[in-house]
Protein backbone atom coordinates (compact mmCIF):
# COMPACT_ATOMS: atom_id res chain seq x y z
CA MET A 1 33.78 -99.12 2.37
CA LEU A 2 34.30 -102.30 4.37
CA PHE A 3 37.35 -103.30 6.48
CA SER A 4 38.60 -106.74 7.06
CA GLN A 5 41.31 -108.03 9.26
CA GLU A 6 43.43 -108.91 6.31
CA PHE A 7 43.17 -105.17 5.07
CA LEU A 8 43.90 -103.62 8.52
CA SER A 9 46.76 -105.86 9.66
CA PRO A 10 49.47 -104.54 7.19
CA LEU A 11 48.63 -100.96 8.35
CA ILE A 12 49.26 -101.70 12.07
CA GLN A 13 53.03 -101.53 11.96
CA TRP A 14 53.08 -98.30 10.11
CA LEU A 15 50.32 -96.74 12.34
CA GLU A 16 52.25 -97.59 15.45
CA LYS A 17 54.80 -94.98 14.60
CA GLU A 18 54.31 -91.97 16.95
CA VAL A 19 51.98 -89.28 15.61
CA SER A 20 52.82 -85.78 17.12
CA ILE A 21 50.11 -83.79 18.88
CA GLU A 22 50.82 -81.10 16.25
CA ASN A 23 49.62 -83.72 13.62
CA HIS A 24 46.42 -84.29 15.59
CA GLN A 25 45.83 -80.58 16.24
CA ASP A 26 46.37 -79.67 12.60
CA THR A 27 43.84 -82.29 11.56
CA GLN A 28 41.36 -80.93 14.23
CA LYS A 29 41.68 -77.45 12.74
CA ARG A 30 41.25 -78.53 9.23
CA LEU A 31 38.19 -80.53 10.01
CA SER A 32 36.79 -77.82 12.20
CA LYS A 33 37.02 -75.32 9.30
CA GLU A 34 35.39 -77.69 6.97
CA ILE A 35 32.50 -78.28 9.30
CA LEU A 36 32.01 -74.51 9.82
CA SER A 37 32.14 -74.08 5.99
CA TYR A 38 29.63 -76.88 5.60
CA ALA A 39 27.33 -75.27 8.08
CA GLU A 40 27.65 -71.82 6.63
CA THR A 41 26.70 -73.13 3.23
CA ASN A 42 23.86 -75.39 4.12
CA ILE A 43 22.08 -74.53 7.52
CA ALA A 44 19.53 -72.15 5.91
CA SER A 45 18.30 -74.90 3.58
CA MET A 46 18.20 -77.69 6.09
CA ASP A 47 15.21 -79.13 7.91
CA GLU A 48 14.81 -78.54 11.65
CA MET A 49 16.67 -81.69 12.76
CA HIS A 50 19.63 -81.06 10.39
CA LYS A 51 19.79 -77.37 11.66
CA PHE A 52 19.93 -78.51 15.22
CA PHE A 53 22.62 -80.98 14.33
CA LEU A 54 24.68 -78.21 12.66
CA ASP A 55 24.03 -75.84 15.52
CA GLN A 56 25.44 -78.42 17.85
CA ALA A 57 28.54 -78.87 15.70
CA VAL A 58 29.21 -75.13 15.58
CA ILE A 59 28.67 -74.99 19.41
CA LEU A 60 31.14 -77.80 19.87
CA ILE A 61 33.83 -76.16 17.77
CA ASN A 62 33.35 -72.73 19.39
CA LYS A 63 33.26 -74.27 22.82
CA LYS A 64 29.99 -72.60 23.93
CA SER A 65 27.13 -73.96 26.03
CA LEU A 66 23.59 -74.59 25.13
CA ASN A 67 20.30 -75.03 26.92
CA ILE A 68 18.44 -77.77 25.34
CA ASN A 69 15.06 -76.44 26.60
CA ASN A 70 15.37 -73.39 24.39
CA PHE A 71 14.52 -75.77 21.39
CA LYS A 72 11.65 -77.93 20.23
CA PHE A 73 14.10 -80.77 20.21
CA THR A 74 12.78 -82.27 23.51
CA ASP A 75 9.38 -82.95 22.09
CA ILE A 76 10.79 -84.37 18.87
CA PHE A 77 13.13 -86.65 20.73
CA VAL A 78 10.58 -87.97 23.21
CA ASP A 79 8.01 -88.68 20.59
CA CYS A 80 10.71 -90.45 18.31
CA ILE A 81 11.78 -92.60 21.23
CA LYS A 82 8.08 -93.63 22.04
CA SER A 83 7.08 -94.45 18.56
CA LYS A 84 10.11 -96.53 17.77
CA LEU A 85 10.02 -98.42 21.09
CA VAL A 86 6.40 -99.18 20.56
CA VAL A 87 6.79 -100.49 17.14
CA GLY A 88 10.05 -102.26 18.02
CA LYS A 89 12.26 -100.83 15.34
CA ASP A 90 16.26 -101.15 15.43
CA PHE A 91 16.43 -97.40 14.97
CA PHE A 92 18.79 -96.87 17.87
CA LEU A 93 21.21 -99.19 16.29
CA LYS A 94 22.05 -96.90 13.53
CA ASP A 95 24.85 -94.33 13.75
CA ASP A 96 23.29 -92.39 10.96
CA ASP A 97 20.19 -91.60 13.01
CA LEU A 98 20.10 -87.80 13.35
CA ILE A 99 17.97 -87.66 16.53
CA THR A 100 20.15 -89.82 18.72
CA MET A 101 23.26 -88.19 17.16
CA CYS A 102 22.08 -84.85 18.17
CA ILE A 103 21.66 -86.08 21.70
CA GLU A 104 25.11 -87.50 21.56
CA LEU A 105 26.47 -84.04 20.54
CA LEU A 106 24.54 -82.49 23.30
CA ILE A 107 26.41 -84.73 25.74
CA LEU A 108 29.56 -83.74 24.26
CA VAL A 109 28.70 -80.00 24.50
CA GLU A 110 27.86 -80.44 28.11
CA ASN A 111 30.96 -82.31 28.98
CA ASN A 112 28.85 -85.36 29.96
CA HIS A 113 26.99 -83.46 32.69
CA ASN A 114 23.26 -84.22 33.03
CA LEU A 115 21.17 -81.96 30.75
CA ASN A 116 18.00 -82.21 32.71
CA LEU A 117 15.68 -82.80 29.64
CA LYS A 118 12.09 -82.64 31.11
CA ILE A 119 9.48 -85.17 29.88
CA ASP A 120 5.92 -85.78 30.97
CA LYS A 121 4.99 -88.78 33.15
CA GLU A 122 2.89 -90.37 30.38
CA SER A 123 5.96 -90.41 28.00
CA GLN A 124 7.97 -91.81 30.90
CA ILE A 125 5.62 -94.73 31.35
CA VAL A 126 5.71 -95.60 27.68
CA ILE A 127 9.43 -95.50 27.59
CA LYS A 128 9.77 -97.66 30.54
CA ASN A 129 7.37 -100.24 29.13
CA GLY A 130 9.49 -100.30 25.98
CA PHE A 131 12.54 -100.88 28.04
CA GLN A 132 11.00 -103.63 29.89
CA LEU A 133 10.09 -105.59 26.71
CA LEU A 134 13.58 -105.03 25.46
CA LEU A 135 15.21 -106.23 28.58
CA GLU A 136 13.10 -109.41 28.70
CA ASN A 137 14.38 -110.38 25.38
CA SER A 138 17.96 -109.17 25.45
CA SER A 139 21.37 -110.84 26.11
CA TRP A 140 24.87 -109.68 25.22
CA VAL A 141 25.80 -113.31 25.12
CA GLY A 142 22.71 -114.60 23.40
CA SER A 143 21.42 -114.92 19.76
CA LYS A 144 21.79 -112.06 17.31
CA PRO A 145 18.26 -110.61 17.98
CA GLU A 146 19.02 -110.66 21.74
CA VAL A 147 22.33 -109.06 21.21
CA GLU A 148 20.78 -106.34 19.05
CA LYS A 149 18.13 -105.64 21.86
CA SER A 150 21.05 -105.35 24.37
CA GLN A 151 22.69 -102.86 21.99
CA ILE A 152 19.51 -100.73 21.85
CA VAL A 153 19.13 -100.79 25.58
CA SER A 154 22.70 -99.98 26.26
CA LYS A 155 22.72 -96.97 23.82
CA LEU A 156 19.28 -95.65 24.93
CA SER A 157 20.21 -96.03 28.65
CA PHE A 158 23.38 -93.90 28.04
CA LEU A 159 21.35 -91.14 26.24
CA LEU A 160 18.71 -91.01 28.92
CA LEU A 161 21.08 -91.26 31.80
CA ASN A 162 23.02 -88.22 30.50
CA THR A 163 19.90 -86.14 29.67
CA GLY A 164 18.13 -86.81 32.81
CA ALA A 165 15.05 -87.80 30.88
CA LEU A 166 14.22 -90.75 33.28
CA GLU A 167 15.15 -91.07 36.98
CA ARG A 168 18.77 -91.97 37.66
CA ASP A 169 17.68 -94.76 39.93
CA TYR A 170 15.59 -96.33 37.07
CA ILE A 171 18.38 -96.25 34.62
CA GLU A 172 20.73 -97.84 37.22
CA SER A 173 18.26 -100.64 37.74
CA VAL A 174 18.25 -101.28 33.88
CA ILE A 175 22.07 -101.27 33.69
CA LYS A 176 22.46 -103.65 36.57
CA LYS A 177 19.99 -105.92 34.86
CA ILE A 178 22.14 -105.80 31.54
CA ILE A 179 25.33 -106.69 33.15
CA LEU A 180 23.91 -109.37 35.49
CA PHE A 181 24.65 -112.07 32.85
CA LEU A 182 27.53 -110.35 31.19
CA PRO A 183 30.82 -111.38 32.94
CA PRO A 184 33.75 -108.72 32.70
CA ASP A 185 35.85 -111.19 30.67
CA GLN A 186 33.22 -111.57 28.04
CA TRP A 187 33.08 -107.82 27.14
CA PHE A 188 35.75 -107.50 24.58
CA LYS A 189 36.37 -111.02 23.26
CA THR A 190 37.07 -111.01 19.62
CA SER A 191 34.34 -113.38 18.87
CA SER A 192 31.72 -111.19 20.53
CA GLU A 193 29.70 -108.16 19.36
CA VAL A 194 31.36 -104.89 20.60
CA TYR A 195 29.21 -102.23 19.14
CA GLY A 196 27.02 -100.45 21.80
CA LYS A 197 29.33 -101.55 24.68
CA SER A 198 31.08 -98.14 24.52
CA PHE A 199 27.68 -96.62 25.77
CA LEU A 200 27.12 -99.22 28.47
CA LEU A 201 30.78 -98.77 29.62
CA ARG A 202 30.44 -94.89 29.82
CA SER A 203 27.07 -95.38 31.74
CA ILE A 204 28.82 -97.47 34.35
CA ILE A 205 31.58 -94.92 34.69
CA ASN A 206 29.02 -92.20 35.01
CA LEU A 207 27.20 -94.16 37.93
CA CYS A 208 30.57 -94.80 39.63
CA ALA A 209 31.90 -91.27 39.23
CA ASN A 210 28.86 -89.99 40.96
CA ASN A 211 29.22 -92.55 43.77
CA PRO A 212 32.75 -93.94 44.28
CA GLU A 213 31.20 -96.56 46.70
CA HIS A 214 28.92 -97.78 44.00
CA ASP A 215 28.10 -101.60 43.74
CA CYS A 216 29.50 -101.59 40.13
CA HIS A 217 32.92 -100.28 41.15
CA ASP A 218 34.75 -103.62 41.19
CA TYR A 219 32.87 -104.81 38.02
CA LEU A 220 33.91 -101.65 36.25
CA LYS A 221 37.54 -102.12 37.23
CA ASN A 222 37.42 -105.74 35.96
CA VAL A 223 35.90 -104.72 32.69
CA CYS A 224 38.48 -101.91 32.13
CA GLU A 225 41.35 -104.17 32.86
CA HIS A 226 40.09 -106.49 30.08
CA LEU A 227 39.70 -103.57 27.79
CA LEU A 228 43.27 -102.38 28.45
CA LYS A 229 44.63 -105.86 27.90
CA ARG A 230 42.96 -105.98 24.52
CA MET A 231 44.07 -102.69 23.37
CA GLU A 232 47.60 -102.95 24.61
CA ILE A 233 48.21 -106.71 23.54
CA ARG A 234 46.41 -106.91 20.20
CA ARG A 235 47.07 -103.18 19.27
CA GLU A 236 44.11 -103.18 17.06
CA ILE A 237 43.15 -100.12 14.96
CA MET A 238 39.59 -100.58 15.99
CA VAL A 239 38.16 -102.88 18.72
CA LEU A 240 34.86 -103.20 16.93
CA SER A 241 34.48 -106.58 15.35
CA THR A 242 34.73 -106.33 11.53
CA LYS A 243 33.49 -109.82 10.77
CA ASN A 244 29.95 -108.49 10.86
CA LYS A 245 30.79 -106.35 7.78
CA SER A 246 30.03 -103.09 9.58
CA ASP A 247 30.68 -99.94 7.63
CA ALA A 248 34.02 -98.45 8.30
CA SER A 249 32.63 -95.09 9.69
CA ILE A 250 30.63 -97.12 12.34
CA CYS A 251 33.82 -98.85 13.31
CA LEU A 252 35.73 -95.61 13.55
CA LEU A 253 33.05 -93.74 15.47
CA GLU A 254 32.60 -96.50 17.95
CA GLN A 255 36.40 -96.59 18.64
CA LEU A 256 36.43 -92.93 19.27
CA ARG A 257 33.53 -93.55 21.81
CA ILE A 258 35.56 -96.33 23.41
CA ASN A 259 38.72 -94.12 23.58
CA ILE A 260 36.51 -91.52 25.57
CA ALA A 261 35.52 -94.18 27.89
CA VAL A 262 39.20 -95.21 28.40
CA LEU A 263 40.15 -91.64 29.31
CA GLU A 264 37.06 -91.22 31.57
CA SER A 265 38.12 -94.53 33.25
CA GLY A 266 41.74 -93.28 33.81
CA VAL A 267 40.38 -90.20 35.41
CA PHE A 268 37.98 -92.22 37.65
CA PHE A 269 40.72 -94.77 38.68
CA ASN A 270 43.61 -92.20 38.63
CA ASP A 271 45.52 -94.62 36.45
CA LEU A 272 47.95 -93.43 33.76
CA ARG A 273 47.81 -96.68 31.87
CA PHE A 274 44.50 -95.66 30.56
CA LEU A 275 45.81 -92.24 29.05
CA ASN A 276 48.65 -94.18 27.54
CA ALA A 277 46.37 -96.63 25.88
CA ALA A 278 44.03 -93.99 24.65
CA MET A 279 46.88 -91.96 23.23
CA LYS A 280 48.29 -94.97 21.34
CA SER A 281 44.77 -95.76 19.99
CA ASN A 282 44.40 -92.23 18.84
CA ASP A 283 47.62 -92.42 16.98
CA ARG A 284 46.58 -95.73 15.37
CA ILE A 285 43.37 -94.29 14.01
CA TYR A 286 45.10 -90.99 12.99
CA ASP A 287 45.67 -92.01 9.34
CA MET A 288 41.86 -92.85 8.91
CA VAL A 289 40.72 -89.51 10.43
CA SER A 290 43.34 -87.41 8.47
CA LYS A 291 41.76 -88.76 5.20
CA ILE A 292 38.36 -87.53 6.03
CA LYS A 293 37.15 -84.67 3.83
CA ILE A 294 33.96 -82.63 4.40
CA SER A 295 32.82 -80.88 1.22
CA SER A 296 29.87 -78.29 0.94
CA LYS A 297 27.58 -81.03 -0.45
CA LYS A 298 24.48 -81.96 1.51
CA THR A 299 25.22 -85.73 1.65
CA LYS A 300 24.85 -88.47 4.31
CA ASN A 301 28.56 -89.20 4.05
CA ASN A 302 29.28 -85.56 5.04
CA ILE A 303 26.92 -85.75 8.13
CA ASN A 304 28.66 -89.03 9.06
CA ASN A 305 32.11 -87.39 8.79
CA ILE A 306 31.00 -84.47 10.73
CA ALA A 307 29.99 -86.81 13.62
CA ILE A 308 33.22 -88.60 13.58
CA SER A 309 35.20 -85.34 13.44
CA LEU A 310 33.44 -83.82 16.40
CA HIS A 311 34.16 -86.97 18.43
CA TYR A 312 37.68 -86.92 17.43
CA ASN A 313 37.95 -83.19 18.40
CA LYS A 314 36.48 -84.19 21.82
CA ILE A 315 38.88 -87.10 22.35
CA ILE A 316 42.00 -85.14 21.52
CA ASN A 317 41.02 -82.12 23.51
CA LEU A 318 40.33 -84.45 26.54
CA GLN A 319 43.56 -86.35 25.93
CA GLU A 320 45.54 -83.06 26.10
CA LYS A 321 43.58 -81.77 29.11
CA ILE A 322 44.48 -84.84 31.07
CA TYR A 323 48.14 -84.86 29.90
CA GLU A 324 48.69 -81.31 30.74
CA SER A 325 47.28 -81.78 34.20
CA LEU A 326 50.13 -83.94 34.79
CA ILE A 327 52.96 -81.59 33.88
């Protein structure tokens, strides 16, 4: 299913009506029950990666913690990163890739704390060499191939920063190179590619949150102000550009990531405008999320819907945690 601005625009006025927290929480509960039912029905017949994905889903719903080093996942993840970087595939661009999605869920489980994923020195060298090649041919304001490489670097940087797979200083140097030629006012222009910038934004927030005096502080503030203006003035259901004919699930999942980044920005800057913007955005996408159904069938669509539902669960819980702290 594809979305166009012509299709989305008539919905905006209706979606601007207030959605109660009870509506969100009821949808959370229903989706959680459907995920648990899907896992119970299918986990025994899944391959290792699908089992790991479903384990993550159940842990997120039950609000438990997980030690990644108890699984074979580390070796699988590292081998996959190395092989894909060496052959230059665009595998990291896809939201239906199970390995990177598992890492995203790990980060959700750990509440964005570093996971300390251990990898050997040889693997680190291979990954760094792959990073360097991508960086040399990437640009957020360049040609389509250059933008795609920037998207890959941004996503992979976020995953590695939050898992501790590479040195923090190294990832920081990569991020600084990415943003060197990306002015804050170019981030969220309607004519620019947006997918992948949620990862880059959350990485910069991570760096600044760990060091309030960070060199990127003013840059981050400027970027966030431009994002707020776009969300508050245009009041789009989804910030992700739809002219590239992205699948609707990709647009929705990226919007949920952006909303998480908006809330994290609000906490970092101690600014209630971000909470307000995120809450309104969550209300605007509510109708789309509430229509999601997760059956017991082993389908790609169900896996995608589980990923969306878990991010939605995260954003609503985070929104309410921040809101309640103000009362």
